[in-house]
Amino acid sequence: MPTYLIVDGYNLLAGDGGLSGRLESDRETLVQDLAAYRHRKNHLIIVVFDGWQQGRPLEQQEHRAGVQIIYSKRGERADQVIQRLAREYGSDCAVVSSDHEIVNAARAHGAFIMGAREFAGKLRMSSGAVHTMPYKELDSGDDNPPKRRPEKKGNPRKLPKAQRRRDRQLKRF
């Protein structure tokens, strides 16, 4: 089964600080980045943009560079389109958004959820952009693990099961 990656376009742009005021240019850059990501990862990518205030009377769809772009129709928000797609694809999709309404609806239908900033980081990392990681100060104490309460059982160095499952799912992207 193919994995669909449903992206809330303006949410990703705003969360990444990518809205520069030139909406058309920002959308085009995002679509190009997603096309390059699709080429590397081979996921089916659907990016949804709002058209509910100035859009056309019908939902508009187009394909560019292997990415399906959907503009919601006038009177319909992109959130509603994403929720409909998450309901349609269920557990075969991942939704990229930081909007709580979308996240809750998509999770209810079994979709994997990624925050906009989290995915933007993966998008930049996989594009080959060089990022410098700041070094920890040696005496800051940040590298000491937090103390566990005595009533906890299990391996204190092992992540919780839910976090390990999420990390395994996240490796696919």
Protein backbone atom coordinates (compact mmCIF):
# COMPACT_ATOMS: atom_id res chain seq x y z
CA MET A 1 0.00 0.00 0.00
CA PRO A 2 1.39 3.42 -0.85
CA THR A 3 1.80 5.93 1.92
CA TYR A 4 0.10 9.25 1.34
CA LEU A 5 1.64 12.34 2.83
CA ILE A 6 -1.04 15.01 3.25
CA VAL A 7 0.46 18.44 3.87
CA ASP A 8 -1.35 21.52 5.20
CA GLY A 9 0.44 23.94 2.86
CA TYR A 10 0.00 27.30 4.56
CA ASN A 11 0.46 25.74 8.01
CA LEU A 12 3.81 24.32 6.93
CA LEU A 13 4.86 27.62 5.38
CA ALA A 14 3.85 29.65 8.43
CA GLY A 15 5.36 27.16 10.89
CA ASP A 16 8.66 27.22 9.06
CA GLY A 17 8.71 31.00 8.88
CA GLY A 18 8.44 30.73 5.11
CA LEU A 19 5.65 33.24 4.51
CA SER A 20 7.42 36.24 3.04
CA GLY A 21 4.41 38.09 1.69
CA ARG A 22 4.82 36.72 -1.83
CA LEU A 23 2.28 33.92 -1.56
CA GLU A 24 2.65 32.58 -5.09
CA SER A 25 6.45 32.41 -4.78
CA ASP A 26 6.25 30.77 -1.34
CA ARG A 27 3.79 28.14 -2.61
CA GLU A 28 5.97 27.41 -5.63
CA THR A 29 9.08 26.98 -3.48
CA LEU A 30 7.21 24.63 -1.17
CA VAL A 31 5.94 22.55 -4.09
CA GLN A 32 9.48 22.28 -5.49
CA ASP A 33 10.82 21.18 -2.08
CA LEU A 34 8.04 18.61 -1.76
CA ALA A 35 8.73 17.33 -5.28
CA ALA A 36 12.39 16.82 -4.40
CA TYR A 37 11.33 15.08 -1.18
CA ARG A 38 8.94 12.84 -3.13
CA HIS A 39 11.73 11.94 -5.53
CA ARG A 40 13.92 10.81 -2.61
CA LYS A 41 11.30 9.11 -0.42
CA ASN A 42 8.78 7.94 -3.04
CA HIS A 43 5.68 8.84 -1.00
CA LEU A 44 2.54 10.10 -2.71
CA ILE A 45 2.34 13.75 -1.63
CA ILE A 46 -0.82 15.83 -1.51
CA VAL A 47 -0.47 19.48 -0.48
CA VAL A 48 -3.66 21.39 0.36
CA PHE A 49 -3.97 25.18 0.23
CA ASP A 50 -6.87 27.36 1.34
CA GLY A 51 -9.07 28.82 -1.32
CA TRP A 52 -12.13 29.42 0.83
CA GLN A 53 -12.08 33.23 0.67
CA GLN A 54 -10.79 33.98 -2.81
CA GLY A 55 -10.94 30.57 -4.43
CA ARG A 56 -12.96 29.20 -7.27
CA PRO A 57 -16.46 27.80 -6.88
CA LEU A 58 -15.15 24.23 -7.29
CA GLU A 59 -12.18 22.49 -5.71
CA GLN A 60 -9.17 22.85 -7.98
CA GLN A 61 -6.60 20.07 -8.36
CA GLU A 62 -3.37 20.02 -10.28
CA HIS A 63 -0.28 17.84 -10.51
CA ARG A 64 3.17 19.35 -10.65
CA ALA A 65 6.44 17.43 -10.46
CA GLY A 66 4.71 14.41 -8.94
CA VAL A 67 2.96 16.42 -6.22
CA GLN A 68 -0.82 16.68 -6.17
CA ILE A 69 -1.91 20.22 -5.26
CA ILE A 70 -5.44 20.87 -4.03
CA TYR A 71 -6.95 24.33 -3.58
CA SER A 72 -10.11 24.17 -1.50
CA LYS A 73 -13.24 25.63 -3.06
CA ARG A 74 -14.69 28.96 -2.01
CA GLY A 75 -16.43 28.54 1.34
CA GLU A 76 -14.43 25.42 2.28
CA ARG A 77 -11.30 25.57 4.39
CA ALA A 78 -8.19 23.50 3.70
CA ASP A 79 -8.72 21.94 7.15
CA GLN A 80 -11.95 20.36 5.94
CA VAL A 81 -10.25 18.95 2.83
CA ILE A 82 -7.40 17.49 4.90
CA GLN A 83 -9.85 15.91 7.35
CA ARG A 84 -11.78 14.40 4.43
CA LEU A 85 -8.56 12.97 2.93
CA ALA A 86 -7.46 11.59 6.31
CA ARG A 87 -10.84 9.90 6.67
CA GLU A 88 -10.52 8.48 3.14
CA TYR A 89 -6.95 7.12 3.47
CA GLY A 90 -7.03 6.27 7.19
CA SER A 91 -3.91 4.53 8.44
CA ASP A 92 -2.31 4.65 4.97
CA CYS A 93 -1.52 8.33 5.35
CA ALA A 94 0.52 10.77 7.36
CA VAL A 95 -0.75 14.29 8.01
CA VAL A 96 1.62 17.25 8.32
CA SER A 97 -0.03 20.03 10.31
CA SER A 98 0.18 21.78 13.65
CA ASP A 99 -3.52 22.65 13.69
CA HIS A 100 -5.09 20.85 16.67
CA GLU A 101 -8.42 20.36 14.93
CA ILE A 102 -6.76 18.61 11.98
CA VAL A 103 -4.42 16.60 14.21
CA ASN A 104 -7.25 15.28 16.38
CA ALA A 105 -9.46 14.37 13.42
CA ALA A 106 -6.62 12.66 11.53
CA ARG A 107 -5.48 10.75 14.61
CA ALA A 108 -9.06 9.52 15.14
CA HIS A 109 -8.93 7.94 11.67
CA GLY A 110 -5.58 6.24 12.32
CA ALA A 111 -3.33 8.63 10.40
CA PHE A 112 0.25 9.25 11.50
CA ILE A 113 0.75 12.85 12.62
CA MET A 114 3.78 15.07 12.10
CA GLY A 115 3.98 18.65 13.28
CA ALA A 116 4.75 21.32 10.71
CA ARG A 117 8.08 22.25 12.30
CA GLU A 118 9.08 18.61 12.67
CA PHE A 119 8.43 17.93 8.99
CA ALA A 120 10.07 21.19 7.91
CA GLY A 121 13.21 20.01 9.69
CA LYS A 122 13.06 16.66 7.87
CA LEU A 123 12.43 18.46 4.59
CA ARG A 124 15.52 20.63 5.09
CA MET A 125 17.69 17.75 6.35
CA SER A 126 16.83 15.50 3.45
CA SER A 127 17.42 18.28 0.92
CA GLY A 128 21.08 18.27 1.81
CA ALA A 129 21.08 21.63 3.55
CA VAL A 130 23.97 21.95 5.96
CA HIS A 131 22.97 22.63 9.54
CA THR A 132 25.37 23.29 12.30
CA MET A 133 24.45 21.86 15.65
CA PRO A 134 25.40 23.97 18.62
CA TYR A 135 27.72 22.28 21.05
CA LYS A 136 26.64 21.73 24.65
CA GLU A 137 28.66 23.44 27.26
CA LEU A 138 30.65 20.94 29.24
CA ASP A 139 29.60 22.16 32.66
CA SER A 140 25.96 23.01 31.93
CA GLY A 141 24.59 19.77 33.41
CA ASP A 142 22.25 19.31 30.42
CA ASP A 143 23.69 15.88 29.67
CA ASN A 144 22.65 14.39 33.01
CA PRO A 145 19.45 12.37 32.69
CA PRO A 146 16.59 13.41 34.97
CA LYS A 147 16.20 11.42 38.18
CA ARG A 148 13.39 8.88 38.13
CA ARG A 149 10.96 8.48 40.93
CA PRO A 150 11.46 5.27 42.95
CA GLU A 151 8.03 3.86 42.06
CA LYS A 152 8.90 3.65 38.36
CA LYS A 153 9.91 0.25 37.04
CA GLY A 154 11.71 -0.78 33.91
CA ASN A 155 14.86 0.28 32.17
CA PRO A 156 15.43 4.00 32.83
CA ARG A 157 17.50 4.33 29.65
CA LYS A 158 14.79 2.97 27.39
CA LEU A 159 12.23 5.29 25.84
CA PRO A 160 8.54 4.62 26.51
CA LYS A 161 6.89 2.17 24.16
CA ALA A 162 4.69 4.83 22.54
CA GLN A 163 7.75 6.98 21.81
CA ARG A 164 9.66 4.03 20.33
CA ARG A 165 6.67 3.20 18.09
CA ARG A 166 6.45 6.83 16.93
CA ASP A 167 10.19 6.90 16.21
CA ARG A 168 9.86 3.75 14.09
CA GLN A 169 7.00 5.31 12.10
CA LEU A 170 8.89 8.57 11.74
CA LYS A 171 11.90 6.78 10.20
CA ARG A 172 9.74 6.00 7.15
CA PHE A 173 9.61 9.70 6.41
